[in-house]
Amino acid sequence: MRRVLLFMLLILFLCGNIYAGWLDKGTELFNQLKSKNNKSNNQLSISEIAAGLKDALKVGTENVVSQLGRVNGFYRDKNIHIPLPKNLQKIKKILKGVGLSKELDNLELKLNRAAELATPKAKKLFWEAISKMTIKDVKKIYNGPKDAATQYFKNKMSIPLKNEMRPIVSKTLNQVKAVQTYNSILKKYNSLPFVKHVHGDISDYVLKKALDGIFYYLAKEEAAIRENPAKRTTEILKKVFGYK
């Protein structure tokens, strides 16, 4: 009886090992097949990746321009609101003490209005840069961090953007009478006795802040399109970034 039990236990042990071996082998084959299928799905052509990336950047710039290029796009946004220039912040107490408080508040509003009016002009410049991207640029951006395209634009386009947007910013600053207000405030301050004269270029300041705001939200849009399926609004975007 004891021998019979031992024999039965031996049979169960061997069968269990055989079953486990086949189960392990089946699992291994299934995983290999799954991996092969996934690899096949992910084999996108460079032209598809390029098209998807360019679509993503166009969507991102479109969203940013729409958001910032409207009334209060800068002024009511605490992340990119344009404050008074540092040269005025340093003498703000003195200026308010001589009755220029309202003029300072008015100037701050106008600086933001100028950025809001100038922002839509940046869209064309971004889209032109997107169309000129090389295959090397596309590969680097596609495989890069979540703000790779934004950093690419900063490195490649900051100077051209400044050159193209400068006349627009200057024009809009004049349209909203920000330059006149700024010069008037400085003139009144510099006429005070015993003060060190203050000077500055308001156009350069607003231009820099406007670009900072655009790049800030462009980075957020880029990250969202890479990570959030709901942000992929075109078929090529879904295909490229869905399999990434």
Protein backbone atom coordinates (compact mmCIF):
# COMPACT_ATOMS: atom_id res chain seq x y z
CA MET A 1 0.00 0.00 0.00
CA ARG A 2 2.79 2.33 0.87
CA ARG A 3 4.55 1.54 -2.42
CA VAL A 4 1.36 2.28 -4.37
CA LEU A 5 1.05 5.70 -2.73
CA LEU A 6 4.67 6.52 -3.47
CA PHE A 7 4.19 5.44 -7.10
CA MET A 8 1.09 7.62 -7.47
CA LEU A 9 2.88 10.61 -5.98
CA LEU A 10 5.76 10.08 -8.43
CA ILE A 11 3.32 9.99 -11.39
CA LEU A 12 1.65 13.24 -10.20
CA PHE A 13 5.03 14.92 -9.75
CA LEU A 14 6.16 13.97 -13.27
CA CYS A 15 2.87 15.01 -14.84
CA GLY A 16 2.99 18.28 -12.95
CA ASN A 17 6.49 18.99 -14.27
CA ILE A 18 5.49 18.10 -17.81
CA TYR A 19 2.38 20.33 -17.57
CA ALA A 20 4.38 23.18 -16.08
CA GLY A 21 6.97 22.82 -18.83
CA TRP A 22 4.35 23.04 -21.59
CA LEU A 23 2.65 25.95 -19.81
CA ASP A 24 5.93 27.85 -19.57
CA LYS A 25 6.69 27.13 -23.22
CA GLY A 26 3.24 28.29 -24.30
CA THR A 27 3.54 31.48 -22.30
CA GLU A 28 6.95 32.14 -23.82
CA LEU A 29 5.62 31.63 -27.37
CA PHE A 30 2.61 33.87 -26.67
CA ASN A 31 4.85 36.65 -25.36
CA GLN A 32 7.11 36.35 -28.40
CA LEU A 33 4.10 36.58 -30.73
CA LYS A 34 2.73 39.55 -28.83
CA SER A 35 6.10 41.27 -28.96
CA LYS A 36 6.35 40.60 -32.69
CA ASN A 37 2.88 42.02 -33.34
CA ASN A 38 3.62 45.12 -31.28
CA LYS A 39 6.88 45.61 -33.14
CA SER A 40 5.00 45.37 -36.43
CA ASN A 41 2.43 47.94 -35.26
CA ASN A 42 5.15 50.34 -34.20
CA GLN A 43 7.07 50.22 -37.46
CA LEU A 44 6.00 53.65 -38.66
CA SER A 45 7.77 55.21 -41.61
CA ILE A 46 9.82 58.34 -41.08
CA SER A 47 7.37 60.21 -43.32
CA GLU A 48 4.49 59.21 -40.99
CA ILE A 49 6.46 60.28 -37.94
CA ALA A 50 7.36 63.57 -39.60
CA ALA A 51 3.75 64.21 -40.59
CA GLY A 52 2.52 63.35 -37.09
CA LEU A 53 5.09 65.55 -35.41
CA LYS A 54 4.36 68.49 -37.68
CA ASP A 55 0.64 68.04 -37.08
CA ALA A 56 1.29 68.05 -33.35
CA LEU A 57 3.29 71.27 -33.55
CA LYS A 58 0.66 72.94 -35.72
CA VAL A 59 -2.07 71.94 -33.27
CA GLY A 60 0.04 73.20 -30.38
CA THR A 61 0.82 76.58 -31.91
CA GLU A 62 -2.80 77.00 -32.99
CA ASN A 63 -4.00 76.39 -29.44
CA VAL A 64 -1.40 78.69 -27.89
CA VAL A 65 -2.09 81.54 -30.29
CA SER A 66 -5.85 81.22 -29.73
CA GLN A 67 -5.39 81.24 -25.97
CA LEU A 68 -2.90 84.11 -25.67
CA GLY A 69 -3.86 86.23 -28.66
CA ARG A 70 -7.10 87.50 -27.17
CA VAL A 71 -8.17 90.06 -24.58
CA ASN A 72 -6.73 89.10 -21.16
CA GLY A 73 -4.75 86.24 -22.68
CA PHE A 74 -1.71 87.62 -20.87
CA TYR A 75 -3.19 90.11 -18.44
CA ARG A 76 -5.42 87.68 -16.51
CA ASP A 77 -3.03 84.74 -16.63
CA LYS A 78 -0.84 84.64 -13.53
CA ASN A 79 1.66 82.33 -15.27
CA ILE A 80 2.57 84.77 -18.03
CA HIS A 81 1.19 88.13 -16.89
CA ILE A 82 3.62 90.89 -17.86
CA PRO A 83 4.50 93.05 -14.83
CA LEU A 84 6.04 96.49 -14.92
CA PRO A 85 9.69 96.54 -16.02
CA LYS A 86 12.25 96.25 -13.23
CA ASN A 87 13.40 99.84 -13.65
CA LEU A 88 9.85 100.97 -12.74
CA GLN A 89 9.34 98.38 -10.00
CA LYS A 90 12.40 99.75 -8.20
CA ILE A 91 10.91 103.25 -8.10
CA LYS A 92 7.26 102.24 -7.84
CA LYS A 93 6.81 103.63 -4.31
CA ILE A 94 8.24 106.99 -5.30
CA LEU A 95 6.05 107.13 -8.41
CA LYS A 96 2.91 106.33 -6.44
CA GLY A 97 3.95 108.95 -3.92
CA VAL A 98 3.85 111.63 -6.60
CA GLY A 99 0.42 110.66 -7.91
CA LEU A 100 1.38 108.24 -10.69
CA SER A 101 -0.36 105.14 -9.28
CA LYS A 102 -3.12 105.10 -11.92
CA GLU A 103 -0.65 105.69 -14.72
CA LEU A 104 1.43 102.72 -13.56
CA ASP A 105 -1.60 100.44 -13.46
CA ASN A 106 -2.66 101.71 -16.88
CA LEU A 107 0.81 101.06 -18.30
CA GLU A 108 0.89 97.49 -16.95
CA LEU A 109 -2.43 96.78 -18.64
CA LYS A 110 -1.18 98.23 -21.94
CA LEU A 111 1.98 96.10 -21.89
CA ASN A 112 -0.16 92.99 -21.69
CA ARG A 113 -2.53 94.26 -24.37
CA ALA A 114 0.41 94.77 -26.72
CA ALA A 115 1.54 91.17 -26.20
CA GLU A 116 -2.00 89.92 -26.79
CA LEU A 117 -2.24 91.84 -30.07
CA ALA A 118 1.19 90.70 -31.29
CA THR A 119 0.87 86.99 -30.45
CA PRO A 120 -1.30 85.93 -33.44
CA LYS A 121 1.46 87.11 -35.79
CA ALA A 122 3.77 84.41 -34.39
CA LYS A 123 1.64 81.58 -35.77
CA LYS A 124 2.78 82.09 -39.37
CA LEU A 125 6.42 82.14 -38.30
CA PHE A 126 6.09 78.90 -36.35
CA TRP A 127 4.29 77.15 -39.21
CA GLU A 128 6.97 78.21 -41.67
CA ALA A 129 9.64 76.80 -39.35
CA ILE A 130 7.68 73.56 -38.98
CA SER A 131 7.49 73.10 -42.75
CA LYS A 132 11.27 73.53 -43.03
CA MET A 133 12.16 70.85 -40.44
CA THR A 134 14.65 68.25 -41.67
CA ILE A 135 14.43 64.48 -41.10
CA LYS A 136 17.25 64.83 -38.58
CA ASP A 137 15.24 67.46 -36.68
CA VAL A 138 12.15 65.24 -36.71
CA LYS A 139 13.99 62.18 -35.33
CA LYS A 140 15.62 64.21 -32.58
CA ILE A 141 12.34 65.80 -31.51
CA TYR A 142 10.23 62.64 -31.76
CA ASN A 143 12.62 60.62 -29.59
CA GLY A 144 13.41 63.51 -27.25
CA PRO A 145 11.87 64.71 -23.97
CA LYS A 146 8.33 66.04 -23.73
CA ASP A 147 9.44 69.59 -24.53
CA ALA A 148 11.97 68.71 -27.25
CA ALA A 149 10.13 70.65 -29.97
CA THR A 150 9.77 73.71 -27.76
CA GLN A 151 13.50 73.69 -27.03
CA TYR A 152 14.15 73.28 -30.75
CA PHE A 153 12.08 76.40 -31.46
CA LYS A 154 13.84 78.34 -28.72
CA ASN A 155 17.28 77.48 -30.08
CA LYS A 156 16.47 77.94 -33.75
CA MET A 157 13.82 80.63 -33.77
CA SER A 158 14.33 83.04 -30.89
CA ILE A 159 16.33 85.55 -32.95
CA PRO A 160 14.19 85.30 -36.13
CA LEU A 161 11.03 85.55 -34.02
CA LYS A 162 12.34 88.64 -32.27
CA ASN A 163 13.29 90.22 -35.58
CA GLU A 164 9.88 89.50 -37.11
CA MET A 165 7.81 90.36 -34.05
CA ARG A 166 9.71 93.47 -33.00
CA PRO A 167 7.96 95.83 -35.45
CA ILE A 168 4.60 94.28 -34.53
CA VAL A 169 5.20 94.77 -30.82
CA SER A 170 6.43 98.32 -31.36
CA LYS A 171 3.40 99.11 -33.49
CA THR A 172 0.93 97.65 -31.00
CA LEU A 173 2.64 99.42 -28.10
CA ASN A 174 2.08 102.67 -29.95
CA GLN A 175 -1.50 101.69 -30.82
CA VAL A 176 -2.39 101.21 -27.15
CA LYS A 177 -0.31 104.29 -26.25
CA ALA A 178 1.96 102.28 -23.94
CA VAL A 179 5.13 103.97 -25.21
CA GLN A 180 3.66 107.41 -24.59
CA THR A 181 2.56 106.43 -21.09
CA TYR A 182 5.96 104.88 -20.30
CA ASN A 183 7.88 107.91 -21.54
CA SER A 184 5.54 110.24 -19.65
CA ILE A 185 6.12 108.37 -16.39
CA LEU A 186 9.90 108.40 -16.83
CA LYS A 187 9.87 112.07 -17.74
CA LYS A 188 7.93 112.96 -14.60
CA TYR A 189 10.19 110.79 -12.43
CA ASN A 190 13.41 112.13 -13.95
CA SER A 191 12.21 115.68 -13.30
CA LEU A 192 12.12 115.02 -9.55
CA PRO A 193 14.99 116.48 -7.55
CA PHE A 194 17.77 114.24 -6.18
CA VAL A 195 16.81 111.13 -8.17
CA LYS A 196 18.98 109.04 -10.45
CA HIS A 197 17.61 109.19 -13.98
CA VAL A 198 15.98 106.02 -15.30
CA HIS A 199 15.88 104.85 -18.92
CA GLY A 200 14.83 101.73 -20.76
CA ASP A 201 13.42 100.17 -23.94
CA ILE A 202 9.83 99.11 -23.37
CA SER A 203 9.56 97.32 -26.75
CA ASP A 204 12.39 94.87 -26.03
CA TYR A 205 10.93 94.14 -22.62
CA VAL A 206 7.44 93.34 -23.92
CA LEU A 207 8.86 91.31 -26.81
CA LYS A 208 10.86 89.09 -24.47
CA LYS A 209 7.90 88.58 -22.14
CA ALA A 210 5.58 87.81 -25.05
CA LEU A 211 7.94 85.11 -26.35
CA ASP A 212 8.38 83.69 -22.84
CA GLY A 213 4.60 83.32 -22.59
CA ILE A 214 4.30 81.67 -25.99
CA PHE A 215 7.06 79.15 -25.27
CA TYR A 216 5.66 78.45 -21.80
CA TYR A 217 2.33 77.29 -23.19
CA LEU A 218 3.81 75.67 -26.28
CA ALA A 219 5.77 73.34 -23.98
CA LYS A 220 2.55 72.45 -22.14
CA GLU A 221 0.71 71.77 -25.40
CA GLU A 222 3.53 69.59 -26.68
CA ALA A 223 3.61 67.53 -23.48
CA ALA A 224 -0.17 67.13 -23.50
CA ILE A 225 -0.24 65.86 -27.09
CA ARG A 226 2.49 63.33 -26.31
CA GLU A 227 0.83 62.09 -23.10
CA ASN A 228 -2.91 62.76 -23.39
CA PRO A 229 -4.86 60.81 -26.07
CA ALA A 230 -7.71 63.34 -25.92
CA LYS A 231 -5.34 66.00 -27.27
CA ARG A 232 -4.61 64.00 -30.45
CA THR A 233 -7.14 65.61 -32.73
CA THR A 234 -6.06 64.20 -36.10
CA GLU A 235 -5.71 60.63 -37.38
CA ILE A 236 -1.97 60.94 -37.99
CA LEU A 237 -1.47 62.25 -34.46
CA LYS A 238 -3.36 59.28 -33.02
CA LYS A 239 -1.35 56.85 -35.13
CA VAL A 240 2.09 58.27 -34.38
CA PHE A 241 1.76 59.19 -30.72
CA GLY A 242 -0.66 56.35 -29.93
CA TYR A 243 2.05 53.77 -30.62
CA LYS A 244 4.98 55.72 -29.18
